[in-house]
Amino acid sequence: MLSAEIIAIGSELLTPFKTDTNGLWLTQKLEEAGIEVKLKTIVGDDELRLEEAIADALKRSDVVITTGGLGPTEDDITRRVAAKAAGRELVYHSSIELDLKERFRLWGREMPEINKRQAYVIDGSEILPNPNGSAVGMSLQTDDRFLVVLPGPPRENQPMFEQHVLPVLKENSGGV
C-alpha cells in the first residue's frame, strides 16, 4: 500500500479562523484509492520550514501532496520551494503565460506583470491545467515517489486532483 503525506501551505491556516478543508477531502480520496495517509502538516509562509517539510516528506512517503501558495504574490513560495526540496529547477513555459494573458483578457483585464511568475513550473513535472483559476498544478514522478503541487482553493484543486492526479495514483497503487 502506498503511503501519503499532505502539506497545507499558508500562514492563514495557522490562525484560529481558517481550517484546512483540503486535507480532509484529499484524505478521503486517497483512502478510497487504497493510499494510506500517514501525516498531514500545515506550514506557514516560511521558506526554510516548508523546504524541510517537503524534503522530509519525500524521504518517507510515496505520495506527497501540497496545497496552496501558488498565487502570484511574494508570499506564494510553494513552486520555488517545492522545486528546491525536490532538487529541481523552475522552468519558464511561455504557453502558460500566453494562456494566463488570454484568461485575463476574457475577464476584461490586462494580466499584471506579477502573474508571469505563475508560468514557472518544476523541471520535469507534468503541468496540471486549471480551468478554474490562474495557478497551474504540477505532478512530478521520480523513481517511486510522487510530488503533487496543487493550488489552494478547493474549486481549483479538487477538479485538478480528480481529473489529472487520482487516475495516475490509482494505477500505481492498484486501487479501484
N, C-alpha and C. Protein backbone atom coordinates (compact mmCIF):
# COMPACT_ATOMS: atom_id res chain seq x y z
N MET A 1 0.84 -1.19 0.00
CA MET A 1 0.00 0.00 0.00
C MET A 1 0.88 1.24 0.00
N LEU A 2 0.56 2.17 -0.89
CA LEU A 2 1.30 3.42 -0.93
C LEU A 2 0.98 4.27 0.29
N SER A 3 1.97 5.04 0.73
CA SER A 3 1.77 5.97 1.84
C SER A 3 1.77 7.39 1.29
N ALA A 4 1.04 8.26 1.97
CA ALA A 4 0.92 9.65 1.51
C ALA A 4 1.06 10.63 2.66
N GLU A 5 1.51 11.82 2.30
CA GLU A 5 1.53 12.97 3.22
C GLU A 5 0.89 14.14 2.50
N ILE A 6 0.19 14.94 3.26
CA ILE A 6 -0.45 16.14 2.74
C ILE A 6 0.13 17.34 3.49
N ILE A 7 0.57 18.33 2.73
CA ILE A 7 1.13 19.54 3.33
C ILE A 7 0.29 20.72 2.87
N ALA A 8 -0.44 21.32 3.80
CA ALA A 8 -1.23 22.52 3.52
C ALA A 8 -0.35 23.73 3.80
N ILE A 9 -0.34 24.67 2.86
CA ILE A 9 0.59 25.79 2.95
C ILE A 9 -0.16 27.12 3.02
N GLY A 10 0.24 27.94 3.98
CA GLY A 10 -0.32 29.28 4.13
C GLY A 10 -0.40 29.67 5.59
N SER A 11 0.16 30.80 5.91
CA SER A 11 0.13 31.27 7.30
C SER A 11 -1.29 31.45 7.83
N GLU A 12 -2.23 31.76 6.92
CA GLU A 12 -3.62 31.93 7.35
C GLU A 12 -4.20 30.65 7.95
N LEU A 13 -3.66 29.49 7.57
CA LEU A 13 -4.15 28.21 8.10
C LEU A 13 -3.67 27.95 9.52
N LEU A 14 -2.74 28.77 10.00
CA LEU A 14 -2.24 28.64 11.37
C LEU A 14 -3.00 29.54 12.34
N THR A 15 -3.98 30.26 11.84
CA THR A 15 -4.81 31.10 12.70
C THR A 15 -6.05 30.30 13.14
N PRO A 16 -6.77 30.77 14.15
CA PRO A 16 -7.98 30.07 14.56
C PRO A 16 -9.18 30.33 13.63
N PHE A 17 -8.96 31.07 12.55
CA PHE A 17 -10.06 31.48 11.69
C PHE A 17 -10.17 30.69 10.39
N LYS A 18 -9.18 29.87 10.08
CA LYS A 18 -9.18 29.08 8.84
C LYS A 18 -8.96 27.61 9.16
N THR A 19 -9.61 26.75 8.39
CA THR A 19 -9.48 25.30 8.55
C THR A 19 -8.93 24.71 7.25
N ASP A 20 -8.10 23.70 7.39
CA ASP A 20 -7.57 23.01 6.22
C ASP A 20 -8.59 21.99 5.72
N THR A 21 -9.53 22.43 4.94
CA THR A 21 -10.55 21.53 4.38
C THR A 21 -9.95 20.67 3.27
N ASN A 22 -8.90 21.14 2.60
CA ASN A 22 -8.27 20.35 1.55
C ASN A 22 -7.72 19.04 2.08
N GLY A 23 -7.11 19.08 3.24
CA GLY A 23 -6.54 17.87 3.83
C GLY A 23 -7.59 16.81 4.10
N LEU A 24 -8.75 17.23 4.56
CA LEU A 24 -9.84 16.28 4.82
C LEU A 24 -10.33 15.64 3.53
N TRP A 25 -10.56 16.47 2.53
CA TRP A 25 -11.07 15.98 1.25
C TRP A 25 -10.06 15.06 0.58
N LEU A 26 -8.79 15.47 0.55
CA LEU A 26 -7.75 14.65 -0.07
C LEU A 26 -7.57 13.32 0.65
N THR A 27 -7.66 13.33 1.97
CA THR A 27 -7.54 12.09 2.74
C THR A 27 -8.62 11.10 2.32
N GLN A 28 -9.84 11.58 2.19
CA GLN A 28 -10.94 10.70 1.77
C GLN A 28 -10.66 10.11 0.39
N LYS A 29 -10.25 10.95 -0.56
CA LYS A 29 -10.00 10.48 -1.93
C LYS A 29 -8.83 9.50 -1.98
N LEU A 30 -7.78 9.78 -1.23
CA LEU A 30 -6.62 8.89 -1.22
C LEU A 30 -6.97 7.55 -0.59
N GLU A 31 -7.69 7.57 0.51
CA GLU A 31 -8.06 6.31 1.15
C GLU A 31 -8.97 5.48 0.27
N GLU A 32 -9.89 6.14 -0.46
CA GLU A 32 -10.75 5.43 -1.41
C GLU A 32 -9.92 4.77 -2.51
N ALA A 33 -8.76 5.34 -2.81
CA ALA A 33 -7.89 4.80 -3.86
C ALA A 33 -6.90 3.77 -3.31
N GLY A 34 -7.00 3.45 -2.03
CA GLY A 34 -6.10 2.48 -1.44
C GLY A 34 -4.75 3.04 -1.06
N ILE A 35 -4.69 4.35 -0.81
CA ILE A 35 -3.45 5.00 -0.41
C ILE A 35 -3.63 5.51 1.01
N GLU A 36 -2.73 5.10 1.89
CA GLU A 36 -2.85 5.45 3.31
C GLU A 36 -2.16 6.77 3.63
N VAL A 37 -2.93 7.71 4.17
CA VAL A 37 -2.37 9.00 4.59
C VAL A 37 -1.73 8.80 5.96
N LYS A 38 -0.44 9.05 6.02
CA LYS A 38 0.33 8.83 7.25
C LYS A 38 0.55 10.11 8.05
N LEU A 39 0.52 11.26 7.35
CA LEU A 39 0.82 12.51 8.04
C LEU A 39 0.21 13.69 7.29
N LYS A 40 -0.32 14.63 8.06
CA LYS A 40 -0.77 15.91 7.49
C LYS A 40 -0.05 17.00 8.25
N THR A 41 0.39 18.00 7.50
CA THR A 41 1.15 19.09 8.09
C THR A 41 0.61 20.41 7.56
N ILE A 42 0.60 21.41 8.42
CA ILE A 42 0.30 22.77 8.00
C ILE A 42 1.57 23.58 8.21
N VAL A 43 2.01 24.25 7.14
CA VAL A 43 3.22 25.07 7.21
C VAL A 43 2.86 26.48 6.77
N GLY A 44 3.28 27.45 7.55
CA GLY A 44 3.06 28.85 7.18
C GLY A 44 3.96 29.24 6.01
N ASP A 45 3.89 30.49 5.65
CA ASP A 45 4.67 31.01 4.53
C ASP A 45 6.12 31.25 4.97
N ASP A 46 6.78 30.16 5.32
CA ASP A 46 8.14 30.18 5.84
C ASP A 46 8.99 29.26 4.96
N GLU A 47 9.90 29.86 4.20
CA GLU A 47 10.65 29.11 3.20
C GLU A 47 11.43 27.94 3.78
N LEU A 48 12.18 28.15 4.84
CA LEU A 48 13.02 27.09 5.40
C LEU A 48 12.18 25.94 5.95
N ARG A 49 11.12 26.27 6.66
CA ARG A 49 10.28 25.20 7.23
C ARG A 49 9.53 24.44 6.15
N LEU A 50 9.10 25.16 5.12
CA LEU A 50 8.40 24.48 4.03
C LEU A 50 9.35 23.57 3.27
N GLU A 51 10.55 24.03 2.99
CA GLU A 51 11.52 23.18 2.29
C GLU A 51 11.81 21.92 3.10
N GLU A 52 12.00 22.09 4.39
CA GLU A 52 12.26 20.95 5.26
C GLU A 52 11.07 19.98 5.27
N ALA A 53 9.86 20.52 5.34
CA ALA A 53 8.67 19.67 5.38
C ALA A 53 8.53 18.85 4.10
N ILE A 54 8.74 19.49 2.95
CA ILE A 54 8.61 18.77 1.67
C ILE A 54 9.74 17.76 1.50
N ALA A 55 10.97 18.17 1.79
CA ALA A 55 12.12 17.27 1.63
C ALA A 55 11.97 16.05 2.54
N ASP A 56 11.58 16.25 3.78
CA ASP A 56 11.39 15.13 4.71
C ASP A 56 10.26 14.22 4.24
N ALA A 57 9.17 14.82 3.78
CA ALA A 57 8.03 14.02 3.30
C ALA A 57 8.44 13.16 2.12
N LEU A 58 9.25 13.70 1.23
CA LEU A 58 9.70 12.95 0.06
C LEU A 58 10.62 11.79 0.44
N LYS A 59 11.26 11.85 1.59
CA LYS A 59 12.13 10.77 2.05
C LYS A 59 11.32 9.60 2.61
N ARG A 60 10.13 9.89 3.17
CA ARG A 60 9.44 8.83 3.90
C ARG A 60 8.10 8.40 3.31
N SER A 61 7.57 9.13 2.34
CA SER A 61 6.25 8.80 1.80
C SER A 61 6.31 8.63 0.29
N ASP A 62 5.43 7.77 -0.22
CA ASP A 62 5.37 7.52 -1.65
C ASP A 62 4.72 8.67 -2.41
N VAL A 63 3.76 9.32 -1.77
CA VAL A 63 2.99 10.40 -2.38
C VAL A 63 3.03 11.60 -1.45
N VAL A 64 3.44 12.75 -1.97
CA VAL A 64 3.45 14.00 -1.20
C VAL A 64 2.61 15.00 -1.98
N ILE A 65 1.59 15.51 -1.32
CA ILE A 65 0.69 16.47 -1.96
C ILE A 65 0.72 17.77 -1.18
N THR A 66 1.00 18.86 -1.89
CA THR A 66 0.94 20.18 -1.26
C THR A 66 -0.27 20.92 -1.81
N THR A 67 -0.86 21.75 -0.97
CA THR A 67 -1.94 22.62 -1.41
C THR A 67 -1.64 24.04 -0.96
N GLY A 68 -1.81 24.99 -1.88
CA GLY A 68 -1.65 26.40 -1.55
C GLY A 68 -0.30 26.97 -1.93
N GLY A 69 -0.26 28.28 -1.95
CA GLY A 69 0.98 29.00 -2.18
C GLY A 69 1.43 29.10 -3.62
N LEU A 70 0.49 28.98 -4.58
CA LEU A 70 0.86 29.06 -5.99
C LEU A 70 0.41 30.35 -6.66
N GLY A 71 -0.07 31.29 -5.88
CA GLY A 71 -0.50 32.56 -6.45
C GLY A 71 0.68 33.40 -6.92
N PRO A 72 0.41 34.62 -7.35
CA PRO A 72 1.47 35.45 -7.92
C PRO A 72 2.20 36.36 -6.91
N THR A 73 1.78 36.36 -5.65
CA THR A 73 2.35 37.34 -4.71
C THR A 73 3.63 36.82 -4.05
N GLU A 74 4.33 37.71 -3.37
CA GLU A 74 5.62 37.39 -2.75
C GLU A 74 5.51 36.26 -1.72
N ASP A 75 4.38 36.16 -1.02
CA ASP A 75 4.25 35.11 0.00
C ASP A 75 3.87 33.76 -0.60
N ASP A 76 3.63 33.70 -1.90
CA ASP A 76 3.33 32.44 -2.58
C ASP A 76 4.64 31.80 -3.02
N ILE A 77 5.20 31.00 -2.11
CA ILE A 77 6.56 30.48 -2.28
C ILE A 77 6.59 28.99 -2.66
N THR A 78 5.45 28.36 -2.76
CA THR A 78 5.43 26.90 -2.90
C THR A 78 6.17 26.40 -4.13
N ARG A 79 5.93 26.99 -5.31
CA ARG A 79 6.56 26.43 -6.52
C ARG A 79 8.08 26.47 -6.40
N ARG A 80 8.62 27.56 -5.92
CA ARG A 80 10.07 27.70 -5.81
C ARG A 80 10.64 26.75 -4.75
N VAL A 81 9.98 26.68 -3.61
CA VAL A 81 10.48 25.85 -2.51
C VAL A 81 10.31 24.36 -2.82
N ALA A 82 9.20 23.99 -3.43
CA ALA A 82 8.99 22.58 -3.80
C ALA A 82 10.05 22.13 -4.80
N ALA A 83 10.37 22.99 -5.75
CA ALA A 83 11.42 22.65 -6.72
C ALA A 83 12.75 22.42 -6.00
N LYS A 84 13.08 23.32 -5.10
CA LYS A 84 14.33 23.21 -4.36
C LYS A 84 14.36 21.93 -3.51
N ALA A 85 13.26 21.63 -2.84
CA ALA A 85 13.19 20.43 -2.00
C ALA A 85 13.32 19.16 -2.83
N ALA A 86 12.85 19.20 -4.07
CA ALA A 86 12.93 18.05 -4.96
C ALA A 86 14.24 18.01 -5.74
N GLY A 87 15.11 19.01 -5.52
CA GLY A 87 16.39 19.05 -6.22
C GLY A 87 16.25 19.41 -7.69
N ARG A 88 15.24 20.22 -8.00
CA ARG A 88 14.96 20.61 -9.38
C ARG A 88 15.00 22.13 -9.52
N GLU A 89 15.04 22.57 -10.77
CA GLU A 89 14.95 23.99 -11.08
C GLU A 89 13.52 24.31 -11.51
N LEU A 90 13.20 25.60 -11.51
CA LEU A 90 11.95 26.05 -12.11
C LEU A 90 12.25 26.41 -13.56
N VAL A 91 11.34 26.04 -14.45
CA VAL A 91 11.50 26.39 -15.85
C VAL A 91 10.28 27.18 -16.31
N TYR A 92 10.54 28.14 -17.17
CA TYR A 92 9.50 29.03 -17.69
C TYR A 92 8.82 28.37 -18.89
N HIS A 93 7.49 28.48 -18.93
CA HIS A 93 6.69 27.98 -20.05
C HIS A 93 5.90 29.13 -20.65
N SER A 94 6.30 29.56 -21.83
CA SER A 94 5.61 30.68 -22.48
C SER A 94 4.15 30.36 -22.74
N SER A 95 3.84 29.09 -22.97
CA SER A 95 2.44 28.71 -23.23
C SER A 95 1.54 28.99 -22.02
N ILE A 96 2.09 28.83 -20.83
CA ILE A 96 1.31 29.13 -19.62
C ILE A 96 1.07 30.63 -19.53
N GLU A 97 2.11 31.41 -19.80
CA GLU A 97 1.94 32.87 -19.76
C GLU A 97 0.91 33.33 -20.80
N LEU A 98 0.98 32.78 -21.99
CA LEU A 98 0.01 33.16 -23.04
C LEU A 98 -1.41 32.78 -22.63
N ASP A 99 -1.56 31.62 -22.02
CA ASP A 99 -2.88 31.20 -21.54
C ASP A 99 -3.38 32.15 -20.45
N LEU A 100 -2.50 32.55 -19.56
CA LEU A 100 -2.88 33.49 -18.50
C LEU A 100 -3.32 34.83 -19.08
N LYS A 101 -2.55 35.32 -20.05
CA LYS A 101 -2.91 36.59 -20.67
C LYS A 101 -4.29 36.51 -21.32
N GLU A 102 -4.58 35.40 -21.97
CA GLU A 102 -5.88 35.21 -22.60
C GLU A 102 -7.00 35.14 -21.56
N ARG A 103 -6.75 34.46 -20.46
CA ARG A 103 -7.75 34.40 -19.38
C ARG A 103 -8.08 35.80 -18.85
N PHE A 104 -7.03 36.56 -18.59
CA PHE A 104 -7.25 37.92 -18.09
C PHE A 104 -8.02 38.74 -19.11
N ARG A 105 -7.69 38.57 -20.39
CA ARG A 105 -8.40 39.29 -21.44
C ARG A 105 -9.89 38.93 -21.42
N LEU A 106 -10.19 37.64 -21.25
CA LEU A 106 -11.59 37.20 -21.18
C LEU A 106 -12.29 37.74 -19.94
N TRP A 107 -11.52 37.99 -18.89
CA TRP A 107 -12.08 38.58 -17.67
C TRP A 107 -12.20 40.09 -17.79
N GLY A 108 -11.79 40.62 -18.95
CA GLY A 108 -11.87 42.06 -19.18
C GLY A 108 -10.75 42.85 -18.53
N ARG A 109 -9.62 42.20 -18.29
CA ARG A 109 -8.49 42.86 -17.62
C ARG A 109 -7.20 42.53 -18.34
N GLU A 110 -6.20 43.33 -18.09
CA GLU A 110 -4.86 43.03 -18.58
C GLU A 110 -4.12 42.28 -17.47
N MET A 111 -3.35 41.26 -17.86
CA MET A 111 -2.64 40.48 -16.86
C MET A 111 -1.56 41.33 -16.20
N PRO A 112 -1.56 41.41 -14.87
CA PRO A 112 -0.48 42.11 -14.18
C PRO A 112 0.85 41.38 -14.39
N GLU A 113 1.92 42.10 -14.46
CA GLU A 113 3.26 41.52 -14.68
C GLU A 113 3.58 40.48 -13.61
N ILE A 114 3.09 40.68 -12.40
CA ILE A 114 3.39 39.76 -11.29
C ILE A 114 2.90 38.34 -11.57
N ASN A 115 1.85 38.21 -12.39
CA ASN A 115 1.31 36.88 -12.68
C ASN A 115 2.23 36.05 -13.57
N LYS A 116 3.22 36.68 -14.18
CA LYS A 116 4.16 35.95 -15.03
C LYS A 116 4.87 34.85 -14.24
N ARG A 117 5.06 35.05 -12.96
CA ARG A 117 5.76 34.03 -12.16
C ARG A 117 4.98 32.73 -12.10
N GLN A 118 3.68 32.76 -12.42
CA GLN A 118 2.89 31.53 -12.44
C GLN A 118 3.17 30.68 -13.67
N ALA A 119 4.00 31.18 -14.58
CA ALA A 119 4.39 30.42 -15.77
C ALA A 119 5.64 29.58 -15.52
N TYR A 120 6.15 29.58 -14.31
CA TYR A 120 7.31 28.77 -13.96
C TYR A 120 6.84 27.50 -13.26
N VAL A 121 7.36 26.36 -13.72
CA VAL A 121 6.99 25.08 -13.12
C VAL A 121 8.25 24.27 -12.83
N ILE A 122 8.09 23.26 -12.00
CA ILE A 122 9.21 22.40 -11.64
C ILE A 122 9.67 21.62 -12.87
N ASP A 123 10.95 21.66 -13.14
CA ASP A 123 11.53 20.98 -14.29
C ASP A 123 11.20 19.49 -14.24
N GLY A 124 10.67 18.98 -15.34
CA GLY A 124 10.32 17.57 -15.44
C GLY A 124 8.94 17.22 -14.94
N SER A 125 8.21 18.19 -14.44
CA SER A 125 6.88 17.89 -13.92
C SER A 125 5.83 17.97 -15.01
N GLU A 126 4.75 17.24 -14.79
CA GLU A 126 3.59 17.34 -15.66
C GLU A 126 2.81 18.57 -15.23
N ILE A 127 2.42 19.39 -16.18
CA ILE A 127 1.64 20.58 -15.88
C ILE A 127 0.17 20.18 -15.79
N LEU A 128 -0.46 20.54 -14.68
CA LEU A 128 -1.86 20.22 -14.46
C LEU A 128 -2.69 21.46 -14.74
N PRO A 129 -3.51 21.43 -15.80
CA PRO A 129 -4.29 22.61 -16.17
C PRO A 129 -5.30 22.99 -15.09
N ASN A 130 -5.59 24.28 -15.03
CA ASN A 130 -6.52 24.81 -14.05
C ASN A 130 -7.57 25.67 -14.75
N PRO A 131 -8.69 25.08 -15.14
CA PRO A 131 -9.73 25.87 -15.81
C PRO A 131 -10.47 26.81 -14.87
N ASN A 132 -10.24 26.67 -13.56
CA ASN A 132 -10.99 27.45 -12.57
C ASN A 132 -10.18 28.53 -11.88
N GLY A 133 -8.94 28.75 -12.32
CA GLY A 133 -8.10 29.76 -11.68
C GLY A 133 -6.86 30.00 -12.50
N SER A 134 -5.93 30.78 -11.94
CA SER A 134 -4.75 31.16 -12.70
C SER A 134 -3.53 30.29 -12.43
N ALA A 135 -3.51 29.52 -11.35
CA ALA A 135 -2.32 28.74 -11.00
C ALA A 135 -2.43 27.30 -11.50
N VAL A 136 -1.50 26.91 -12.38
CA VAL A 136 -1.45 25.51 -12.79
C VAL A 136 -0.90 24.68 -11.64
N GLY A 137 -1.23 23.41 -11.63
CA GLY A 137 -0.64 22.48 -10.69
C GLY A 137 0.53 21.77 -11.35
N MET A 138 1.23 20.95 -10.57
CA MET A 138 2.37 20.21 -11.08
C MET A 138 2.40 18.83 -10.45
N SER A 139 2.79 17.85 -11.23
CA SER A 139 2.95 16.49 -10.74
C SER A 139 4.30 15.98 -11.19
N LEU A 140 5.14 15.65 -10.24
CA LEU A 140 6.49 15.18 -10.53
C LEU A 140 6.63 13.76 -10.01
N GLN A 141 6.97 12.85 -10.91
CA GLN A 141 7.21 11.48 -10.51
C GLN A 141 8.69 11.20 -10.65
N THR A 142 9.31 10.82 -9.54
CA THR A 142 10.73 10.47 -9.55
C THR A 142 10.88 9.11 -8.91
N ASP A 143 11.51 8.20 -9.61
CA ASP A 143 11.67 6.83 -9.13
C ASP A 143 10.31 6.30 -8.69
N ASP A 144 10.16 6.07 -7.41
CA ASP A 144 8.90 5.53 -6.89
C ASP A 144 8.15 6.56 -6.03
N ARG A 145 8.41 7.83 -6.23
CA ARG A 145 7.79 8.90 -5.44
C ARG A 145 7.00 9.83 -6.34
N PHE A 146 5.94 10.39 -5.77
CA PHE A 146 5.13 11.40 -6.45
C PHE A 146 5.12 12.66 -5.61
N LEU A 147 5.40 13.79 -6.25
CA LEU A 147 5.21 15.10 -5.63
C LEU A 147 4.15 15.81 -6.44
N VAL A 148 3.04 16.13 -5.78
CA VAL A 148 1.92 16.79 -6.43
C VAL A 148 1.74 18.15 -5.78
N VAL A 149 1.78 19.20 -6.59
CA VAL A 149 1.69 20.57 -6.10
C VAL A 149 0.40 21.18 -6.65
N LEU A 150 -0.55 21.44 -5.75
CA LEU A 150 -1.88 21.91 -6.14
C LEU A 150 -2.14 23.31 -5.60
N PRO A 151 -2.97 24.08 -6.31
CA PRO A 151 -3.39 25.37 -5.77
C PRO A 151 -4.26 25.16 -4.52
N GLY A 152 -4.45 26.22 -3.75
CA GLY A 152 -5.18 26.11 -2.51
C GLY A 152 -6.70 26.10 -2.60
N PRO A 153 -7.31 26.94 -3.43
CA PRO A 153 -8.77 26.97 -3.44
C PRO A 153 -9.38 25.63 -3.85
N PRO A 154 -10.29 25.08 -3.05
CA PRO A 154 -10.90 23.79 -3.37
C PRO A 154 -11.55 23.74 -4.75
N ARG A 155 -12.13 24.83 -5.20
CA ARG A 155 -12.78 24.82 -6.52
C ARG A 155 -11.75 24.68 -7.64
N GLU A 156 -10.48 24.89 -7.31
CA GLU A 156 -9.40 24.69 -8.27
C GLU A 156 -8.72 23.35 -8.08
N ASN A 157 -8.37 23.01 -6.84
CA ASN A 157 -7.56 21.80 -6.64
C ASN A 157 -8.36 20.50 -6.72
N GLN A 158 -9.64 20.52 -6.36
CA GLN A 158 -10.40 19.28 -6.38
C GLN A 158 -10.61 18.73 -7.79
N PRO A 159 -11.09 19.55 -8.75
CA PRO A 159 -11.20 19.01 -10.11
C PRO A 159 -9.84 18.61 -10.70
N MET A 160 -8.81 19.39 -10.39
CA MET A 160 -7.47 19.09 -10.88
C MET A 160 -7.00 17.74 -10.35
N PHE A 161 -7.21 17.51 -9.07
CA PHE A 161 -6.80 16.26 -8.45
C PHE A 161 -7.58 15.08 -9.04
N GLU A 162 -8.89 15.23 -9.13
CA GLU A 162 -9.73 14.12 -9.62
C GLU A 162 -9.45 13.79 -11.09
N GLN A 163 -9.22 14.80 -11.90
CA GLN A 163 -9.04 14.57 -13.33
C GLN A 163 -7.63 14.15 -13.72
N HIS A 164 -6.62 14.70 -13.06
CA HIS A 164 -5.25 14.51 -13.53
C HIS A 164 -4.35 13.72 -12.59
N VAL A 165 -4.65 13.70 -11.31
CA VAL A 165 -3.75 13.06 -10.34
C VAL A 165 -4.29 11.71 -9.89
N LEU A 166 -5.54 11.68 -9.50
CA LEU A 166 -6.12 10.46 -8.94
C LEU A 166 -6.02 9.25 -9.88
N PRO A 167 -6.31 9.40 -11.17
CA PRO A 167 -6.17 8.23 -12.05
C PRO A 167 -4.75 7.64 -12.07
N VAL A 168 -3.75 8.48 -12.05
CA VAL A 168 -2.35 8.02 -12.05
C VAL A 168 -2.03 7.34 -10.72
N LEU A 169 -2.49 7.93 -9.62
CA LEU A 169 -2.22 7.33 -8.31
C LEU A 169 -2.93 5.98 -8.18
N LYS A 170 -4.16 5.91 -8.64
CA LYS A 170 -4.89 4.63 -8.60
C LYS A 170 -4.16 3.55 -9.38
N GLU A 171 -3.67 3.93 -10.55
CA GLU A 171 -2.93 2.98 -11.40
C GLU A 171 -1.69 2.46 -10.69
N ASN A 172 -1.01 3.33 -9.96
CA ASN A 172 0.21 2.96 -9.28
C ASN A 172 -0.02 2.29 -7.94
N SER A 173 -1.21 2.45 -7.38
CA SER A 173 -1.49 1.85 -6.07
C SER A 173 -2.24 0.53 -6.18
N GLY A 174 -2.74 0.26 -7.38
CA GLY A 174 -3.58 -0.92 -7.53
C GLY A 174 -4.98 -0.70 -7.02
N GLY A 175 -5.30 0.58 -6.69
CA GLY A 175 -6.64 0.91 -6.17
C GLY A 175 -7.69 0.89 -7.25
N VAL A 176 -8.93 0.87 -6.80
CA VAL A 176 -10.05 0.80 -7.73
C VAL A 176 -10.36 2.15 -8.34
